[in-house]
Amino acid sequence: MINKYINKSLVLASSVFLLASCTPDTVEGNGIDQGPIDASFKITKTSENHYLLKRNYSNYLNSSWNIDDDGFNNGKGEQNLFLPDAGTYVIQHQAIGIGGVVAGTASETVVVPTSDPISGNMVQGGRFDTPAEAAKWTIHNISASGAQWVIANKKATIVASGSNQQGIYQAVNVVAGQKYSIDLVASSDTPLINTWFEVYVLNTAPVNGQDISGTIYRNINTWDGCGTGKFKGKVSSVGCNGSKNGGVYTATTTGTVYLEIKCGGGTVNSLSIDKVEFRRMQ
């Protein structure tokens, strides 16, 4: 009985020793997140209107970039950036650590002295910053009521209900055979319900009381799965591209066309747009 007791004690003691030997003295973190890290980066001008963004460190999992408050989008440690319009831009970089947590944010400013002679924005008042810019747009009343675009606070916002819709548009001069890229920033603080948001290029001016149709160049459509949660970013990123044309319009004739943005739906409380772009492609 004594020998059997001693043997069990030895086995127990050995087990405790092995457990103690395998246990680290200290535990750093919980294994599913990461503490603050340096997200700083450099901006290098590579040619006129072209820049290279390069993060200074790589001790984290991923990078997310916010260009001129367009919203953060996943990216790489090095990003090529084309800024075709003259102006001052704030560039933000987020370092994404373990567990997808933002572990650091850094900002830099770049001043673009001149607009690109080919790809400069052809839309007038696309930022809705001033009353003069707002006046560049014309309201297209499709439904008699129940939908309204309001231009204020440096953006255009639509409120709609009851499946009613309204558009805004402006004339743009194009050249036959030339390709043009279309994009804009859209945001909503609340999920959209039964909502369509569509961008068209029309050969004739819209008529009040009449809907429009044709090729959709950018869209957000809750039936296709976009706009069902809070969002902000270029529609090329946050939207659905139903026509699969990549937001590229090819002019069939030389002359005036009409860029229209229309929206409607069951419940649209706070869909806003900004930085509307219509650019000639090089």
Protein backbone atom coordinates (compact mmCIF):
# COMPACT_ATOMS: atom_id res chain seq x y z
CA MET A 1 0.00 0.00 0.00
CA ILE A 2 2.84 2.39 0.82
CA ASN A 3 4.72 1.68 -2.42
CA LYS A 4 1.54 2.19 -4.49
CA TYR A 5 0.85 5.54 -2.77
CA ILE A 6 4.43 6.76 -3.37
CA ASN A 7 4.24 5.87 -7.08
CA LYS A 8 1.04 7.84 -7.56
CA SER A 9 2.57 10.86 -5.86
CA LEU A 10 5.59 10.72 -8.13
CA VAL A 11 3.38 10.63 -11.21
CA LEU A 12 1.34 13.57 -9.95
CA ALA A 13 4.44 15.58 -9.16
CA SER A 14 5.88 14.90 -12.61
CA SER A 15 2.67 16.09 -14.26
CA VAL A 16 2.68 19.30 -12.26
CA PHE A 17 6.33 19.87 -13.20
CA LEU A 18 5.60 19.42 -16.91
CA LEU A 19 2.65 21.82 -16.78
CA ALA A 20 4.74 24.39 -14.99
CA SER A 21 7.55 23.99 -17.52
CA CYS A 22 5.14 24.63 -20.45
CA THR A 23 3.50 27.72 -18.94
CA PRO A 24 5.03 31.08 -20.02
CA ASP A 25 6.03 33.54 -17.33
CA THR A 26 3.90 36.32 -18.88
CA VAL A 27 1.06 36.53 -21.41
CA GLU A 28 1.10 39.39 -23.94
CA GLY A 29 -2.30 40.18 -25.48
CA ASN A 30 -5.21 37.86 -25.86
CA GLY A 31 -4.25 36.49 -29.27
CA ILE A 32 -7.22 38.02 -31.09
CA ASP A 33 -6.32 41.72 -31.18
CA GLN A 34 -3.32 44.00 -31.47
CA GLY A 35 -2.23 47.08 -29.57
CA PRO A 36 -1.59 50.49 -31.16
CA ILE A 37 0.94 50.49 -34.01
CA ASP A 38 2.48 53.07 -36.34
CA ALA A 39 0.36 53.63 -39.46
CA SER A 40 2.51 56.43 -40.89
CA PHE A 41 3.20 56.57 -44.62
CA LYS A 42 4.88 58.66 -47.32
CA ILE A 43 3.50 60.30 -50.45
CA THR A 44 5.84 60.51 -53.45
CA LYS A 45 4.97 62.34 -56.66
CA THR A 46 5.79 60.02 -59.57
CA SER A 47 4.54 62.27 -62.41
CA GLU A 48 2.10 65.13 -62.88
CA ASN A 49 -1.14 64.27 -60.99
CA HIS A 50 0.22 60.79 -60.11
CA TYR A 51 1.44 59.78 -56.65
CA LEU A 52 2.69 56.71 -54.78
CA LEU A 53 1.42 56.00 -51.27
CA LYS A 54 3.76 53.76 -49.26
CA ARG A 55 3.35 52.76 -45.62
CA ASN A 56 6.46 52.97 -43.44
CA TYR A 57 5.92 49.74 -41.51
CA SER A 58 4.54 46.27 -42.20
CA ASN A 59 4.10 44.80 -38.71
CA TYR A 60 0.34 44.41 -39.20
CA LEU A 61 -2.02 42.48 -41.43
CA ASN A 62 -3.58 44.93 -43.85
CA SER A 63 -3.96 48.54 -44.96
CA SER A 64 -7.08 50.62 -45.54
CA TRP A 65 -6.96 53.97 -47.38
CA ASN A 66 -9.32 56.95 -47.33
CA ILE A 67 -8.75 59.35 -50.23
CA ASP A 68 -10.25 62.82 -49.77
CA ASP A 69 -12.95 61.52 -47.37
CA ASP A 70 -14.32 59.04 -49.91
CA GLY A 71 -14.47 56.36 -47.20
CA PHE A 72 -11.94 53.73 -46.14
CA ASN A 73 -11.29 50.89 -48.58
CA ASN A 74 -8.99 47.90 -48.25
CA GLY A 75 -5.72 48.32 -50.11
CA LYS A 76 -2.07 47.40 -50.26
CA GLY A 77 1.04 48.66 -48.53
CA GLU A 78 1.85 50.57 -51.73
CA GLN A 79 -0.91 52.33 -53.66
CA ASN A 80 -0.71 54.26 -56.93
CA LEU A 81 -2.94 57.33 -56.83
CA PHE A 82 -4.21 59.51 -59.67
CA LEU A 83 -5.59 62.91 -58.67
CA PRO A 84 -6.76 64.58 -61.89
CA ASP A 85 -8.27 67.70 -60.30
CA ALA A 86 -6.33 70.59 -58.79
CA GLY A 87 -6.86 71.00 -55.06
CA THR A 88 -5.77 70.00 -51.57
CA TYR A 89 -6.39 66.38 -50.56
CA VAL A 90 -6.22 64.70 -47.16
CA ILE A 91 -5.09 61.07 -47.40
CA GLN A 92 -5.69 58.74 -44.44
CA HIS A 93 -4.20 55.31 -43.80
CA GLN A 94 -5.43 52.75 -41.30
CA ALA A 95 -3.27 49.87 -40.10
CA ILE A 96 -5.42 46.75 -39.65
CA GLY A 97 -4.11 44.42 -36.95
CA ILE A 98 -4.97 41.00 -35.62
CA GLY A 99 -8.69 40.33 -35.50
CA GLY A 100 -9.40 43.01 -38.10
CA VAL A 101 -9.00 45.76 -35.50
CA VAL A 102 -7.86 49.24 -36.57
CA ALA A 103 -4.60 49.50 -34.67
CA GLY A 104 -3.43 52.87 -35.96
CA THR A 105 -4.41 55.78 -38.22
CA ALA A 106 -2.22 58.39 -39.93
CA SER A 107 -2.94 61.35 -42.24
CA GLU A 108 -0.95 63.25 -44.86
CA THR A 109 -1.90 66.16 -47.13
CA VAL A 110 -1.03 66.54 -50.81
CA VAL A 111 -1.56 69.68 -52.93
CA VAL A 112 -2.25 69.13 -56.63
CA PRO A 113 -1.31 72.37 -58.47
CA THR A 114 -3.05 71.83 -61.82
CA SER A 115 -5.83 69.68 -63.25
CA ASP A 116 -5.02 66.97 -65.75
CA PRO A 117 -5.73 68.39 -69.25
CA ILE A 118 -7.53 65.23 -70.40
CA SER A 119 -9.07 63.62 -67.32
CA GLY A 120 -10.21 66.72 -65.44
CA ASN A 121 -13.77 66.50 -64.16
CA MET A 122 -16.33 67.64 -66.75
CA VAL A 123 -19.15 67.86 -64.19
CA GLN A 124 -19.82 71.35 -62.88
CA GLY A 125 -20.75 71.69 -59.22
CA GLY A 126 -20.10 68.03 -58.52
CA ARG A 127 -19.14 68.78 -54.91
CA PHE A 128 -22.29 70.83 -54.12
CA ASP A 129 -20.13 73.14 -51.99
CA THR A 130 -21.75 76.48 -52.82
CA PRO A 131 -25.11 77.82 -54.06
CA ALA A 132 -23.42 78.49 -57.41
CA GLU A 133 -22.45 74.81 -57.66
CA ALA A 134 -25.93 73.68 -56.64
CA ALA A 135 -27.38 75.86 -59.42
CA LYS A 136 -25.57 73.74 -62.03
CA TRP A 137 -28.08 70.94 -61.39
CA THR A 138 -31.71 70.72 -62.55
CA ILE A 139 -34.39 68.81 -60.66
CA HIS A 140 -36.22 66.13 -62.65
CA ASN A 141 -39.64 65.55 -61.10
CA ILE A 142 -40.57 61.99 -62.03
CA SER A 143 -43.17 61.31 -59.33
CA ALA A 144 -45.68 64.01 -58.43
CA SER A 145 -44.57 63.88 -54.78
CA GLY A 146 -42.99 61.63 -52.17
CA ALA A 147 -39.37 62.08 -53.25
CA GLN A 148 -37.11 65.13 -52.98
CA TRP A 149 -33.45 65.97 -53.52
CA VAL A 150 -32.13 68.68 -51.18
CA ILE A 151 -28.73 70.29 -51.82
CA ALA A 152 -27.28 71.54 -48.53
CA ASN A 153 -24.26 71.08 -46.26
CA LYS A 154 -21.98 70.43 -49.25
CA LYS A 155 -23.87 67.38 -50.52
CA ALA A 156 -27.11 66.38 -52.20
CA THR A 157 -29.49 64.24 -50.12
CA ILE A 158 -32.68 62.50 -51.14
CA VAL A 159 -35.62 61.50 -48.96
CA ALA A 160 -38.18 59.23 -50.57
CA SER A 161 -41.02 56.89 -49.63
CA GLY A 162 -43.93 55.04 -51.18
CA SER A 163 -41.88 53.94 -54.21
CA ASN A 164 -41.65 57.54 -55.44
CA GLN A 165 -38.55 58.87 -57.20
CA GLN A 166 -36.82 62.06 -58.33
CA GLY A 167 -33.70 62.86 -60.34
CA ILE A 168 -31.12 65.61 -60.77
CA TYR A 169 -29.24 66.20 -64.01
CA GLN A 170 -26.95 68.46 -66.00
CA ALA A 171 -25.77 68.76 -69.61
CA VAL A 172 -22.29 67.57 -70.64
CA ASN A 173 -20.58 67.95 -74.04
CA VAL A 174 -19.00 64.78 -75.45
CA VAL A 175 -17.06 63.65 -78.53
CA ALA A 176 -18.14 60.69 -80.66
CA GLY A 177 -16.13 57.53 -80.01
CA GLN A 178 -14.58 58.89 -76.81
CA LYS A 179 -14.92 56.94 -73.56
CA TYR A 180 -15.85 58.63 -70.29
CA SER A 181 -15.68 57.26 -66.73
CA ILE A 182 -18.51 57.96 -64.29
CA ASP A 183 -18.36 57.74 -60.50
CA LEU A 184 -19.47 59.53 -57.34
CA VAL A 185 -19.41 59.19 -53.57
CA ALA A 186 -22.58 57.94 -51.87
CA SER A 187 -23.40 57.47 -48.20
CA SER A 188 -26.28 56.59 -45.90
CA ASP A 189 -26.41 56.59 -42.11
CA THR A 190 -29.30 54.11 -42.13
CA PRO A 191 -30.08 50.99 -44.19
CA LEU A 192 -32.06 51.56 -47.37
CA ILE A 193 -35.37 49.71 -47.82
CA ASN A 194 -36.64 48.72 -51.29
CA THR A 195 -34.44 51.38 -52.87
CA TRP A 196 -33.01 51.98 -56.33
CA PHE A 197 -30.29 54.54 -57.08
CA GLU A 198 -29.23 54.80 -60.72
CA VAL A 199 -26.95 56.93 -62.93
CA TYR A 200 -27.77 57.40 -66.63
CA VAL A 201 -26.41 59.24 -69.66
CA LEU A 202 -29.31 60.43 -71.84
CA ASN A 203 -29.31 61.73 -75.41
CA THR A 204 -32.27 64.05 -74.75
CA ALA A 205 -33.17 66.22 -71.79
CA PRO A 206 -35.42 64.59 -69.16
CA VAL A 207 -39.08 65.60 -69.09
CA ASN A 208 -40.95 66.23 -65.84
CA GLY A 209 -43.58 63.61 -65.14
CA GLN A 210 -41.80 61.02 -67.30
CA ASP A 211 -39.46 58.28 -66.11
CA ILE A 212 -36.16 57.54 -67.84
CA SER A 213 -34.62 54.27 -68.97
CA GLY A 214 -31.55 52.95 -70.72
CA THR A 215 -28.07 51.86 -69.69
CA ILE A 216 -27.33 52.18 -65.98
CA TYR A 217 -23.71 53.23 -65.39
CA ARG A 218 -23.67 53.23 -61.59
CA ASN A 219 -26.26 51.95 -59.16
CA ILE A 220 -27.19 50.96 -55.63
CA ASN A 221 -30.04 48.49 -55.46
CA THR A 222 -31.23 46.77 -52.29
CA TRP A 223 -32.64 43.84 -54.28
CA ASP A 224 -29.09 43.17 -55.53
CA GLY A 225 -27.73 43.32 -51.98
CA CYS A 226 -26.19 46.80 -51.75
CA GLY A 227 -27.26 49.63 -49.47
CA THR A 228 -28.72 47.25 -46.88
CA GLY A 229 -26.48 48.66 -44.12
CA LYS A 230 -24.71 51.90 -43.27
CA PHE A 231 -22.19 52.79 -46.00
CA LYS A 232 -19.94 55.48 -47.43
CA GLY A 233 -17.66 55.35 -50.45
CA LYS A 234 -17.48 55.62 -54.20
CA VAL A 235 -20.40 53.87 -55.84
CA SER A 236 -17.87 51.85 -57.82
CA SER A 237 -16.97 50.27 -54.45
CA VAL A 238 -20.16 50.32 -52.35
CA GLY A 239 -22.74 49.88 -55.11
CA CYS A 240 -23.87 47.20 -57.55
CA ASN A 241 -22.99 47.52 -61.20
CA GLY A 242 -26.04 45.95 -62.78
CA SER A 243 -25.10 46.63 -66.39
CA LYS A 244 -21.50 45.43 -65.83
CA ASN A 245 -20.07 48.27 -67.94
CA GLY A 246 -17.61 49.42 -65.30
CA GLY A 247 -19.10 52.90 -65.22
CA VAL A 248 -17.71 53.66 -68.70
CA TYR A 249 -19.84 55.56 -71.22
CA THR A 250 -18.87 55.63 -74.91
CA ALA A 251 -20.25 58.59 -76.83
CA THR A 252 -22.05 57.64 -80.06
CA THR A 253 -22.29 61.22 -81.39
CA THR A 254 -20.58 64.54 -80.78
CA GLY A 255 -22.73 67.00 -78.87
CA THR A 256 -24.72 67.39 -75.66
CA VAL A 257 -25.78 64.53 -73.41
CA TYR A 258 -27.43 64.63 -69.99
CA LEU A 259 -25.98 63.02 -66.89
CA GLU A 260 -28.88 62.09 -64.59
CA ILE A 261 -28.84 60.67 -61.07
CA LYS A 262 -32.20 59.35 -59.91
CA CYS A 263 -33.31 57.62 -56.73
CA GLY A 264 -36.50 56.30 -55.22
CA GLY A 265 -37.81 53.61 -52.94
CA GLY A 266 -39.88 52.44 -50.05
CA THR A 267 -37.79 54.08 -47.32
CA VAL A 268 -34.87 56.39 -48.16
CA ASN A 269 -34.00 58.53 -45.15
CA SER A 270 -30.50 59.82 -45.67
CA LEU A 271 -28.89 58.80 -48.96
CA SER A 272 -26.42 61.54 -49.89
CA ILE A 273 -24.08 62.05 -52.82
CA ASP A 274 -20.93 64.09 -53.35
CA LYS A 275 -17.98 64.39 -55.75
CA VAL A 276 -19.84 63.47 -58.91
CA GLU A 277 -17.34 62.70 -61.68
CA PHE A 278 -17.62 62.50 -65.48
CA ARG A 279 -14.11 62.20 -66.93
CA ARG A 280 -12.62 61.64 -70.35
CA MET A 281 -10.51 58.50 -70.34
CA GLN A 282 -6.96 58.64 -71.66
